[in-house]
């Protein structure tokens, strides 16, 4: 499928079982499209736009997203590895993740208010100065992920685990946590808990 993406714009299309590895998708726009069982490895999405797209059982790794616009994207049962979304155009940035593996990705400085992350493994990711106000981390494993100067006001971590959040350097007013994981919020205070 070497010529799979020859048009400048795709609208209301479905793509299934395609491998788009090491390909240039620069300046190609996708609107209301669905991708199922697709592999995007080391792709160049620079200057592209996607709006209202669904990614189901897809793998996205080490791809470039410079000046890329992502609006209302939903990821289900996907794998995202080494993805740096910090260079995206942030207007209307809206992502939802369900049952995804998100590994070594960078979400720093992004406006991710109200983002739903459900039953995901979010490993070694960076959330530096990210606005995660009202975000939900339902059933997520956040092992090794870093939160620094992050807005977590009213975020829901009640069923999340393995998070390390310093309430001194992150805004956590109104955020919800549950025991025993909430004890991790005290790590930076040099205290002993029996």
N, C-alpha and C. Protein backbone atom coordinates (compact mmCIF):
# COMPACT_ATOMS: atom_id res chain seq x y z
N UNK A 1 0.83 -1.19 0.00
CA UNK A 1 0.00 0.00 0.00
C UNK A 1 0.87 1.25 0.00
N UNK A 2 1.77 1.34 -0.93
CA UNK A 2 2.68 2.48 -0.97
C UNK A 2 1.97 3.79 -1.27
N UNK A 3 0.87 3.75 -1.97
CA UNK A 3 0.17 4.97 -2.34
C UNK A 3 -1.13 5.15 -1.57
N UNK A 4 -1.17 4.64 -0.34
CA UNK A 4 -2.38 4.71 0.46
C UNK A 4 -2.87 6.13 0.67
N UNK A 5 -1.97 7.07 0.93
CA UNK A 5 -2.36 8.44 1.22
C UNK A 5 -1.82 9.39 0.15
N UNK A 6 -2.56 9.50 -0.94
CA UNK A 6 -2.15 10.35 -2.05
C UNK A 6 -2.92 11.65 -2.10
N UNK A 7 -4.00 11.74 -1.32
CA UNK A 7 -4.81 12.95 -1.31
C UNK A 7 -4.35 13.90 -0.20
N UNK A 8 -4.74 15.14 -0.28
CA UNK A 8 -4.39 16.15 0.72
C UNK A 8 -5.33 16.10 1.92
N UNK A 9 -6.55 15.62 1.71
CA UNK A 9 -7.54 15.60 2.78
C UNK A 9 -8.41 14.35 2.68
N UNK A 10 -8.72 13.78 3.86
CA UNK A 10 -9.59 12.61 3.94
C UNK A 10 -10.69 12.91 4.94
N UNK A 11 -11.92 12.63 4.55
CA UNK A 11 -13.05 12.90 5.42
C UNK A 11 -13.97 11.68 5.48
N UNK A 12 -14.37 11.32 6.70
CA UNK A 12 -15.30 10.21 6.95
C UNK A 12 -14.86 8.93 6.24
N UNK A 13 -13.59 8.60 6.41
CA UNK A 13 -13.04 7.38 5.81
C UNK A 13 -12.61 6.43 6.90
N UNK A 14 -12.57 5.15 6.57
CA UNK A 14 -12.08 4.12 7.49
C UNK A 14 -10.85 3.48 6.88
N UNK A 15 -9.83 3.30 7.72
CA UNK A 15 -8.59 2.66 7.30
C UNK A 15 -8.35 1.48 8.23
N UNK A 16 -8.09 0.32 7.66
CA UNK A 16 -7.95 -0.89 8.47
C UNK A 16 -6.75 -1.70 8.03
N UNK A 17 -6.03 -2.23 9.05
CA UNK A 17 -4.92 -3.17 8.81
C UNK A 17 -3.86 -2.64 7.85
N UNK A 18 -3.46 -1.39 8.04
CA UNK A 18 -2.40 -0.86 7.18
C UNK A 18 -1.18 -0.48 8.02
N UNK A 19 -0.02 -0.65 7.43
CA UNK A 19 1.23 -0.30 8.07
C UNK A 19 1.77 0.94 7.38
N UNK A 20 1.83 2.03 8.13
CA UNK A 20 2.23 3.31 7.56
C UNK A 20 3.59 3.70 8.12
N UNK A 21 4.42 2.74 8.41
CA UNK A 21 5.71 3.00 9.04
C UNK A 21 6.66 3.76 8.14
N UNK A 22 7.41 4.68 8.78
CA UNK A 22 8.45 5.47 8.12
C UNK A 22 7.94 6.18 6.87
N UNK A 23 6.72 6.67 6.94
CA UNK A 23 6.13 7.35 5.79
C UNK A 23 5.86 8.81 6.12
N UNK A 24 5.81 9.61 5.13
CA UNK A 24 5.53 11.03 5.29
C UNK A 24 4.04 11.29 5.09
N UNK A 25 3.40 11.74 6.16
CA UNK A 25 1.99 12.13 6.09
C UNK A 25 1.89 13.63 6.35
N UNK A 26 2.96 14.31 6.02
CA UNK A 26 3.07 15.75 6.25
C UNK A 26 1.98 16.51 5.49
N UNK A 27 1.33 17.44 6.21
CA UNK A 27 0.31 18.32 5.63
C UNK A 27 -0.90 17.57 5.06
N UNK A 28 -1.16 16.38 5.57
CA UNK A 28 -2.35 15.63 5.17
C UNK A 28 -3.35 15.73 6.32
N UNK A 29 -4.60 16.05 6.00
CA UNK A 29 -5.62 16.26 7.03
C UNK A 29 -6.64 15.12 7.03
N UNK A 30 -7.08 14.77 8.25
CA UNK A 30 -8.04 13.69 8.44
C UNK A 30 -9.20 14.21 9.29
N UNK A 31 -10.42 14.11 8.78
CA UNK A 31 -11.61 14.57 9.49
C UNK A 31 -12.60 13.43 9.64
N UNK A 32 -13.01 13.17 10.87
CA UNK A 32 -13.99 12.11 11.15
C UNK A 32 -13.57 10.77 10.54
N UNK A 33 -12.31 10.43 10.67
CA UNK A 33 -11.81 9.16 10.13
C UNK A 33 -11.63 8.15 11.25
N UNK A 34 -11.66 6.87 10.89
CA UNK A 34 -11.42 5.80 11.85
C UNK A 34 -10.26 4.95 11.35
N UNK A 35 -9.32 4.70 12.27
CA UNK A 35 -8.16 3.87 11.98
C UNK A 35 -8.23 2.64 12.87
N UNK A 36 -8.22 1.45 12.28
CA UNK A 36 -8.31 0.20 13.03
C UNK A 36 -7.13 -0.69 12.67
N UNK A 37 -6.43 -1.17 13.70
CA UNK A 37 -5.26 -2.05 13.51
C UNK A 37 -4.23 -1.46 12.55
N UNK A 38 -3.94 -0.19 12.71
CA UNK A 38 -2.95 0.48 11.86
C UNK A 38 -1.66 0.71 12.64
N UNK A 39 -0.54 0.69 11.94
CA UNK A 39 0.77 0.92 12.55
C UNK A 39 1.34 2.21 11.98
N UNK A 40 1.62 3.16 12.88
CA UNK A 40 2.25 4.43 12.52
C UNK A 40 3.59 4.49 13.25
N UNK A 41 4.63 3.96 12.68
CA UNK A 41 5.94 3.95 13.32
C UNK A 41 6.88 4.88 12.57
N UNK A 42 7.46 5.84 13.30
CA UNK A 42 8.38 6.82 12.73
C UNK A 42 7.78 7.56 11.55
N UNK A 43 6.50 7.92 11.66
CA UNK A 43 5.83 8.68 10.61
C UNK A 43 6.03 10.18 10.84
N UNK A 44 5.90 10.93 9.78
CA UNK A 44 6.02 12.38 9.84
C UNK A 44 4.63 12.98 9.63
N UNK A 45 4.02 13.46 10.74
CA UNK A 45 2.70 14.09 10.68
C UNK A 45 2.82 15.61 10.71
N UNK A 46 4.01 16.15 10.51
CA UNK A 46 4.22 17.59 10.62
C UNK A 46 3.25 18.37 9.74
N UNK A 47 2.61 19.38 10.34
CA UNK A 47 1.69 20.23 9.60
C UNK A 47 0.35 19.61 9.29
N UNK A 48 0.09 18.40 9.75
CA UNK A 48 -1.19 17.75 9.46
C UNK A 48 -2.24 18.14 10.49
N UNK A 49 -3.46 17.83 10.18
CA UNK A 49 -4.57 18.12 11.10
C UNK A 49 -5.47 16.90 11.17
N UNK A 50 -5.90 16.58 12.40
CA UNK A 50 -6.90 15.52 12.55
C UNK A 50 -7.98 16.03 13.48
N UNK A 51 -9.21 15.76 13.11
CA UNK A 51 -10.35 16.23 13.89
C UNK A 51 -11.40 15.13 13.97
N UNK A 52 -11.85 14.86 15.19
CA UNK A 52 -12.90 13.86 15.42
C UNK A 52 -12.50 12.48 14.90
N UNK A 53 -11.24 12.11 15.04
CA UNK A 53 -10.77 10.81 14.56
C UNK A 53 -10.72 9.78 15.69
N UNK A 54 -10.89 8.52 15.33
CA UNK A 54 -10.86 7.41 16.27
C UNK A 54 -9.73 6.47 15.86
N UNK A 55 -8.93 6.08 16.86
CA UNK A 55 -7.85 5.12 16.65
C UNK A 55 -8.14 3.91 17.51
N UNK A 56 -8.36 2.76 16.89
CA UNK A 56 -8.72 1.54 17.60
C UNK A 56 -7.68 0.45 17.31
N UNK A 57 -7.04 -0.05 18.37
CA UNK A 57 -6.00 -1.08 18.23
C UNK A 57 -4.88 -0.64 17.29
N UNK A 58 -4.45 0.60 17.43
CA UNK A 58 -3.36 1.13 16.59
C UNK A 58 -2.08 1.26 17.39
N UNK A 59 -0.97 1.28 16.69
CA UNK A 59 0.34 1.48 17.31
C UNK A 59 0.97 2.73 16.71
N UNK A 60 1.31 3.68 17.59
CA UNK A 60 1.92 4.94 17.15
C UNK A 60 3.23 5.09 17.92
N UNK A 61 4.35 5.02 17.21
CA UNK A 61 5.62 5.11 17.92
C UNK A 61 6.63 5.98 17.17
N UNK A 62 7.34 6.79 17.97
CA UNK A 62 8.45 7.62 17.48
C UNK A 62 8.08 8.45 16.26
N UNK A 63 6.84 8.93 16.21
CA UNK A 63 6.39 9.75 15.09
C UNK A 63 6.54 11.23 15.41
N UNK A 64 6.62 12.06 14.37
CA UNK A 64 6.82 13.50 14.52
C UNK A 64 5.49 14.23 14.38
N UNK A 65 5.27 15.21 15.28
CA UNK A 65 4.01 15.96 15.29
C UNK A 65 4.24 17.46 15.35
N UNK A 66 5.19 17.99 14.62
CA UNK A 66 5.48 19.42 14.63
C UNK A 66 4.36 20.19 13.94
N UNK A 67 3.82 21.19 14.63
CA UNK A 67 2.72 22.03 14.10
C UNK A 67 1.54 21.20 13.61
N UNK A 68 1.31 20.10 14.27
CA UNK A 68 0.19 19.22 13.96
C UNK A 68 -0.98 19.61 14.86
N UNK A 69 -2.17 19.64 14.33
CA UNK A 69 -3.36 19.98 15.11
C UNK A 69 -4.19 18.72 15.35
N UNK A 70 -4.47 18.45 16.62
CA UNK A 70 -5.26 17.27 16.98
C UNK A 70 -6.49 17.73 17.75
N UNK A 71 -7.66 17.45 17.23
CA UNK A 71 -8.91 17.85 17.88
C UNK A 71 -9.80 16.63 18.07
N UNK A 72 -10.21 16.43 19.30
CA UNK A 72 -11.17 15.37 19.64
C UNK A 72 -10.75 14.00 19.11
N UNK A 73 -9.56 13.57 19.44
CA UNK A 73 -9.10 12.24 19.04
C UNK A 73 -9.37 11.25 20.16
N UNK A 74 -9.84 10.07 19.80
CA UNK A 74 -10.10 9.01 20.76
C UNK A 74 -9.22 7.82 20.43
N UNK A 75 -8.55 7.30 21.47
CA UNK A 75 -7.66 6.17 21.32
C UNK A 75 -8.18 5.03 22.18
N UNK A 76 -8.42 3.87 21.57
CA UNK A 76 -8.91 2.70 22.31
C UNK A 76 -8.00 1.51 22.01
N UNK A 77 -7.51 0.87 23.08
CA UNK A 77 -6.62 -0.29 22.93
C UNK A 77 -5.44 0.00 22.01
N UNK A 78 -4.88 1.20 22.15
CA UNK A 78 -3.75 1.60 21.32
C UNK A 78 -2.44 1.56 22.11
N UNK A 79 -1.35 1.59 21.37
CA UNK A 79 -0.02 1.67 21.97
C UNK A 79 0.64 2.92 21.42
N UNK A 80 1.04 3.83 22.34
CA UNK A 80 1.76 5.04 21.96
C UNK A 80 3.11 5.01 22.66
N UNK A 81 4.19 5.00 21.90
CA UNK A 81 5.53 4.90 22.48
C UNK A 81 6.42 6.01 21.91
N UNK A 82 7.07 6.75 22.82
CA UNK A 82 8.03 7.77 22.41
C UNK A 82 7.43 8.90 21.61
N UNK A 83 6.17 9.22 21.88
CA UNK A 83 5.49 10.28 21.14
C UNK A 83 5.62 11.59 21.91
N UNK A 84 6.09 12.63 21.24
CA UNK A 84 6.23 13.96 21.84
C UNK A 84 5.19 14.87 21.21
N UNK A 85 4.12 15.14 21.97
CA UNK A 85 3.04 15.98 21.45
C UNK A 85 3.21 17.45 21.81
N UNK A 86 4.33 17.80 22.43
CA UNK A 86 4.53 19.17 22.89
C UNK A 86 4.69 20.18 21.76
N UNK A 87 4.95 19.71 20.57
CA UNK A 87 5.15 20.62 19.44
C UNK A 87 3.91 20.72 18.56
N UNK A 88 2.81 20.15 19.05
CA UNK A 88 1.53 20.27 18.34
C UNK A 88 0.97 21.68 18.50
N UNK A 89 0.14 22.07 17.57
CA UNK A 89 -0.64 23.29 17.72
C UNK A 89 -1.71 22.98 18.75
N UNK A 90 -1.81 23.78 19.79
CA UNK A 90 -2.64 23.38 20.92
C UNK A 90 -4.08 23.90 20.88
N UNK A 91 -4.50 24.56 19.84
CA UNK A 91 -5.89 25.01 19.77
C UNK A 91 -6.83 23.80 19.73
N UNK A 92 -7.77 23.78 20.63
CA UNK A 92 -8.78 22.72 20.69
C UNK A 92 -8.18 21.33 20.88
N UNK A 93 -7.06 21.25 21.55
CA UNK A 93 -6.39 19.98 21.81
C UNK A 93 -7.28 19.14 22.72
N UNK A 94 -7.72 17.98 22.27
CA UNK A 94 -8.67 17.18 23.03
C UNK A 94 -8.41 15.70 22.74
N UNK A 95 -7.96 14.97 23.78
CA UNK A 95 -7.65 13.55 23.61
C UNK A 95 -8.35 12.73 24.67
N UNK A 96 -8.77 11.53 24.32
CA UNK A 96 -9.30 10.56 25.28
C UNK A 96 -8.64 9.22 25.00
N UNK A 97 -8.31 8.51 26.09
CA UNK A 97 -7.62 7.23 25.98
C UNK A 97 -8.37 6.17 26.79
N UNK A 98 -8.56 5.00 26.20
CA UNK A 98 -9.19 3.89 26.91
C UNK A 98 -8.39 2.62 26.64
N UNK A 99 -7.93 1.97 27.71
CA UNK A 99 -7.19 0.71 27.64
C UNK A 99 -5.96 0.81 26.72
N UNK A 100 -5.21 1.89 26.88
CA UNK A 100 -4.03 2.12 26.05
C UNK A 100 -2.75 1.91 26.84
N UNK A 101 -1.68 1.57 26.13
CA UNK A 101 -0.34 1.58 26.69
C UNK A 101 0.31 2.85 26.18
N UNK A 102 0.65 3.75 27.11
CA UNK A 102 1.25 5.03 26.76
C UNK A 102 2.62 5.06 27.44
N UNK A 103 3.66 4.92 26.66
CA UNK A 103 5.01 4.72 27.21
C UNK A 103 5.97 5.79 26.70
N UNK A 104 6.69 6.40 27.62
CA UNK A 104 7.71 7.42 27.33
C UNK A 104 7.21 8.51 26.38
N UNK A 105 6.04 9.03 26.66
CA UNK A 105 5.47 10.11 25.86
C UNK A 105 5.58 11.43 26.63
N UNK A 106 5.59 12.53 25.91
CA UNK A 106 5.72 13.84 26.52
C UNK A 106 4.46 14.66 26.25
N UNK A 107 3.76 15.04 27.33
CA UNK A 107 2.54 15.83 27.26
C UNK A 107 2.75 17.21 27.89
N UNK A 108 3.99 17.62 28.07
CA UNK A 108 4.29 18.88 28.76
C UNK A 108 3.66 20.08 28.07
N UNK A 109 3.19 21.00 28.89
CA UNK A 109 2.60 22.29 28.51
C UNK A 109 1.29 22.19 27.73
N UNK A 110 0.73 21.02 27.59
CA UNK A 110 -0.49 20.88 26.80
C UNK A 110 -1.74 21.17 27.62
N UNK A 111 -2.75 21.76 27.00
CA UNK A 111 -4.03 21.98 27.67
C UNK A 111 -4.89 20.72 27.55
N UNK A 112 -4.89 19.91 28.59
CA UNK A 112 -5.61 18.63 28.54
C UNK A 112 -6.74 18.60 29.58
N UNK A 113 -7.42 19.74 29.74
CA UNK A 113 -8.52 19.83 30.70
C UNK A 113 -9.58 18.79 30.37
N UNK A 114 -10.01 18.07 31.40
CA UNK A 114 -11.10 17.12 31.22
C UNK A 114 -10.75 15.87 30.45
N UNK A 115 -9.48 15.64 30.18
CA UNK A 115 -9.07 14.45 29.44
C UNK A 115 -9.44 13.19 30.23
N UNK A 116 -10.00 12.22 29.56
CA UNK A 116 -10.34 10.94 30.19
C UNK A 116 -9.29 9.91 29.80
N UNK A 117 -8.63 9.38 30.82
CA UNK A 117 -7.68 8.28 30.63
C UNK A 117 -8.22 7.13 31.45
N UNK A 118 -8.68 6.08 30.80
CA UNK A 118 -9.36 4.99 31.48
C UNK A 118 -8.66 3.66 31.26
N UNK A 119 -8.29 3.01 32.37
CA UNK A 119 -7.66 1.68 32.33
C UNK A 119 -6.43 1.64 31.43
N UNK A 120 -5.59 2.67 31.55
CA UNK A 120 -4.37 2.77 30.74
C UNK A 120 -3.13 2.49 31.59
N UNK A 121 -2.09 2.02 30.93
CA UNK A 121 -0.76 1.97 31.54
C UNK A 121 -0.03 3.18 30.97
N UNK A 122 0.29 4.13 31.85
CA UNK A 122 0.94 5.38 31.45
C UNK A 122 2.31 5.38 32.11
N UNK A 123 3.28 4.85 31.40
CA UNK A 123 4.59 4.56 31.99
C UNK A 123 5.65 5.54 31.50
N UNK A 124 6.40 6.11 32.48
CA UNK A 124 7.54 6.98 32.17
C UNK A 124 7.16 8.15 31.27
N UNK A 125 5.97 8.71 31.47
CA UNK A 125 5.52 9.85 30.68
C UNK A 125 5.79 11.15 31.44
N UNK A 126 5.85 12.25 30.71
CA UNK A 126 6.13 13.55 31.32
C UNK A 126 4.90 14.45 31.18
N UNK A 127 4.45 14.96 32.33
CA UNK A 127 3.37 15.93 32.39
C UNK A 127 3.93 17.18 33.08
N UNK A 128 4.75 17.94 32.40
CA UNK A 128 5.35 19.14 32.97
C UNK A 128 4.56 20.36 32.53
N UNK A 129 4.02 21.09 33.51
CA UNK A 129 3.22 22.28 33.24
C UNK A 129 2.00 21.97 32.37
N UNK A 130 1.52 20.76 32.45
CA UNK A 130 0.34 20.33 31.71
C UNK A 130 -0.90 20.73 32.50
N UNK A 131 -1.94 21.18 31.81
CA UNK A 131 -3.20 21.50 32.48
C UNK A 131 -4.11 20.28 32.40
N UNK A 132 -4.16 19.54 33.50
CA UNK A 132 -4.99 18.34 33.61
C UNK A 132 -6.16 18.58 34.56
N UNK A 133 -6.63 19.82 34.63
CA UNK A 133 -7.79 20.15 35.45
C UNK A 133 -8.96 19.26 35.05
N UNK A 134 -9.60 18.64 36.02
CA UNK A 134 -10.77 17.76 35.82
C UNK A 134 -10.46 16.51 34.99
N UNK A 135 -9.20 16.18 34.82
CA UNK A 135 -8.85 14.95 34.09
C UNK A 135 -9.19 13.74 34.96
N UNK A 136 -9.46 12.63 34.32
CA UNK A 136 -9.78 11.39 35.02
C UNK A 136 -8.75 10.33 34.66
N UNK A 137 -8.18 9.71 35.70
CA UNK A 137 -7.18 8.65 35.51
C UNK A 137 -7.75 7.33 36.04
N UNK A 138 -8.95 7.02 35.68
CA UNK A 138 -9.67 5.85 36.19
C UNK A 138 -8.96 4.54 35.82
N UNK A 139 -8.53 3.80 36.85
CA UNK A 139 -7.90 2.50 36.63
C UNK A 139 -6.53 2.55 35.97
N UNK A 140 -5.87 3.71 36.00
CA UNK A 140 -4.58 3.85 35.31
C UNK A 140 -3.40 3.50 36.21
N UNK A 141 -2.38 2.93 35.60
CA UNK A 141 -1.10 2.66 36.26
C UNK A 141 -0.12 3.71 35.74
N UNK A 142 0.36 4.58 36.64
CA UNK A 142 1.20 5.72 36.25
C UNK A 142 2.66 5.54 36.65
N UNK A 143 3.13 4.32 36.68
CA UNK A 143 4.48 4.04 37.15
C UNK A 143 5.55 4.81 36.38
N UNK A 144 6.35 5.56 37.12
CA UNK A 144 7.47 6.29 36.54
C UNK A 144 7.09 7.58 35.83
N UNK A 145 5.81 7.91 35.79
CA UNK A 145 5.40 9.16 35.13
C UNK A 145 5.67 10.35 36.04
N UNK A 146 6.03 11.47 35.43
CA UNK A 146 6.41 12.65 36.19
C UNK A 146 5.39 13.77 36.02
N UNK A 147 4.97 14.32 37.16
CA UNK A 147 4.10 15.49 37.20
C UNK A 147 4.89 16.62 37.83
N UNK A 148 5.09 17.72 37.10
CA UNK A 148 5.85 18.85 37.64
C UNK A 148 5.19 20.16 37.20
N UNK A 149 4.85 21.00 38.18
CA UNK A 149 4.13 22.26 37.92
C UNK A 149 2.88 22.00 37.08
N UNK A 150 2.21 20.93 37.40
CA UNK A 150 1.03 20.49 36.66
C UNK A 150 -0.24 20.93 37.37
N UNK A 151 -1.24 21.34 36.60
CA UNK A 151 -2.53 21.69 37.17
C UNK A 151 -3.37 20.42 37.24
N UNK A 152 -3.57 19.94 38.46
CA UNK A 152 -4.36 18.73 38.69
C UNK A 152 -5.61 19.03 39.49
N UNK A 153 -6.03 20.30 39.51
CA UNK A 153 -7.21 20.68 40.26
C UNK A 153 -8.43 19.89 39.80
N UNK A 154 -9.12 19.31 40.77
CA UNK A 154 -10.34 18.52 40.52
C UNK A 154 -10.11 17.30 39.64
N UNK A 155 -8.87 16.86 39.50
CA UNK A 155 -8.58 15.63 38.75
C UNK A 155 -8.96 14.43 39.62
N UNK A 156 -9.28 13.32 38.97
CA UNK A 156 -9.73 12.12 39.69
C UNK A 156 -8.69 11.00 39.55
N UNK A 157 -8.05 10.71 40.68
CA UNK A 157 -7.07 9.62 40.76
C UNK A 157 -7.57 8.50 41.67
N UNK A 158 -8.88 8.43 41.94
CA UNK A 158 -9.38 7.51 42.97
C UNK A 158 -9.06 6.04 42.68
N UNK A 159 -9.01 5.63 41.46
CA UNK A 159 -8.69 4.23 41.18
C UNK A 159 -7.36 4.09 40.43
N UNK A 160 -6.56 5.16 40.44
CA UNK A 160 -5.23 5.11 39.80
C UNK A 160 -4.21 4.54 40.79
N UNK A 161 -3.08 4.11 40.26
CA UNK A 161 -2.04 3.55 41.12
C UNK A 161 -0.66 3.91 40.59
N UNK A 162 0.33 3.73 41.46
CA UNK A 162 1.74 3.95 41.14
C UNK A 162 2.06 5.37 40.68
N UNK A 163 1.31 6.35 41.16
CA UNK A 163 1.62 7.73 40.80
C UNK A 163 2.55 8.35 41.83
N UNK A 164 3.34 9.29 41.38
CA UNK A 164 4.19 10.09 42.26
C UNK A 164 3.88 11.55 41.96
N UNK A 165 3.15 12.16 42.88
CA UNK A 165 2.73 13.55 42.70
C UNK A 165 3.13 14.33 43.94
N UNK A 166 3.92 15.35 43.76
CA UNK A 166 4.33 16.21 44.87
C UNK A 166 3.33 17.35 44.97
N UNK A 167 2.51 17.39 46.05
CA UNK A 167 1.51 18.44 46.17
C UNK A 167 2.10 19.83 46.40
N UNK A 168 3.39 19.91 46.65
CA UNK A 168 4.04 21.21 46.83
C UNK A 168 4.30 21.88 45.47
N UNK A 169 4.65 21.09 44.46
CA UNK A 169 4.99 21.67 43.15
C UNK A 169 3.89 21.47 42.10
N UNK A 170 2.80 20.84 42.48
CA UNK A 170 1.66 20.65 41.58
C UNK A 170 0.41 21.22 42.23
N UNK A 171 -0.50 21.72 41.43
CA UNK A 171 -1.76 22.25 41.95
C UNK A 171 -2.76 21.10 42.04
N UNK A 172 -3.17 20.77 43.27
CA UNK A 172 -4.02 19.59 43.48
C UNK A 172 -5.33 19.93 44.19
N UNK A 173 -5.69 21.19 44.26
CA UNK A 173 -6.92 21.58 44.97
C UNK A 173 -8.14 20.87 44.36
N UNK A 174 -8.87 20.19 45.22
CA UNK A 174 -10.08 19.49 44.79
C UNK A 174 -9.83 18.16 44.10
N UNK A 175 -8.57 17.78 43.94
CA UNK A 175 -8.26 16.49 43.30
C UNK A 175 -8.68 15.36 44.23
N UNK A 176 -9.08 14.23 43.65
CA UNK A 176 -9.56 13.09 44.42
C UNK A 176 -8.54 11.95 44.35
N UNK A 177 -8.23 11.42 45.54
CA UNK A 177 -7.31 10.29 45.66
C UNK A 177 -7.94 9.27 46.60
N UNK A 178 -7.46 8.04 46.56
CA UNK A 178 -7.97 7.02 47.49
C UNK A 178 -6.81 6.28 48.13
N UNK A 179 -7.09 5.74 49.30
CA UNK A 179 -6.09 4.94 50.02
C UNK A 179 -6.04 3.53 49.44
N UNK A 180 -4.93 2.86 49.46
CA UNK A 180 -3.68 3.25 50.10
C UNK A 180 -2.77 4.12 49.22
N UNK A 181 -3.09 4.28 47.96
CA UNK A 181 -2.21 5.00 47.03
C UNK A 181 -1.98 6.46 47.44
N UNK A 182 -2.95 7.08 48.09
CA UNK A 182 -2.83 8.50 48.45
C UNK A 182 -1.66 8.76 49.40
N UNK A 183 -1.20 7.73 50.09
CA UNK A 183 -0.05 7.88 50.99
C UNK A 183 1.18 8.35 50.21
N UNK A 184 1.24 8.03 48.93
CA UNK A 184 2.39 8.44 48.11
C UNK A 184 2.51 9.97 48.02
N UNK A 185 1.45 10.69 48.29
CA UNK A 185 1.49 12.15 48.26
C UNK A 185 2.40 12.72 49.34
N UNK A 186 2.73 11.90 50.33
CA UNK A 186 3.56 12.35 51.45
C UNK A 186 5.05 12.06 51.25
N UNK A 187 5.43 11.45 50.15
CA UNK A 187 6.82 11.04 49.93
C UNK A 187 7.84 12.16 50.10
N UNK A 188 7.55 13.33 49.62
CA UNK A 188 8.52 14.42 49.65
C UNK A 188 8.66 15.13 50.99
N UNK A 189 7.94 14.68 52.01
CA UNK A 189 7.94 15.38 53.29
C UNK A 189 8.87 14.77 54.33
N UNK A 190 9.63 13.76 53.99
CA UNK A 190 10.60 13.14 54.90
C UNK A 190 9.96 12.78 56.24
N UNK A 191 8.82 12.08 56.16
CA UNK A 191 8.14 11.63 57.37
C UNK A 191 8.02 10.11 57.33
N UNK A 192 7.74 9.52 58.50
CA UNK A 192 7.58 8.07 58.59
C UNK A 192 6.12 7.75 58.88
N UNK A 193 5.61 6.78 58.17
CA UNK A 193 4.23 6.34 58.37
C UNK A 193 4.26 4.86 58.70
N UNK A 194 3.59 4.49 59.80
CA UNK A 194 3.52 3.08 60.20
C UNK A 194 2.17 2.49 59.84
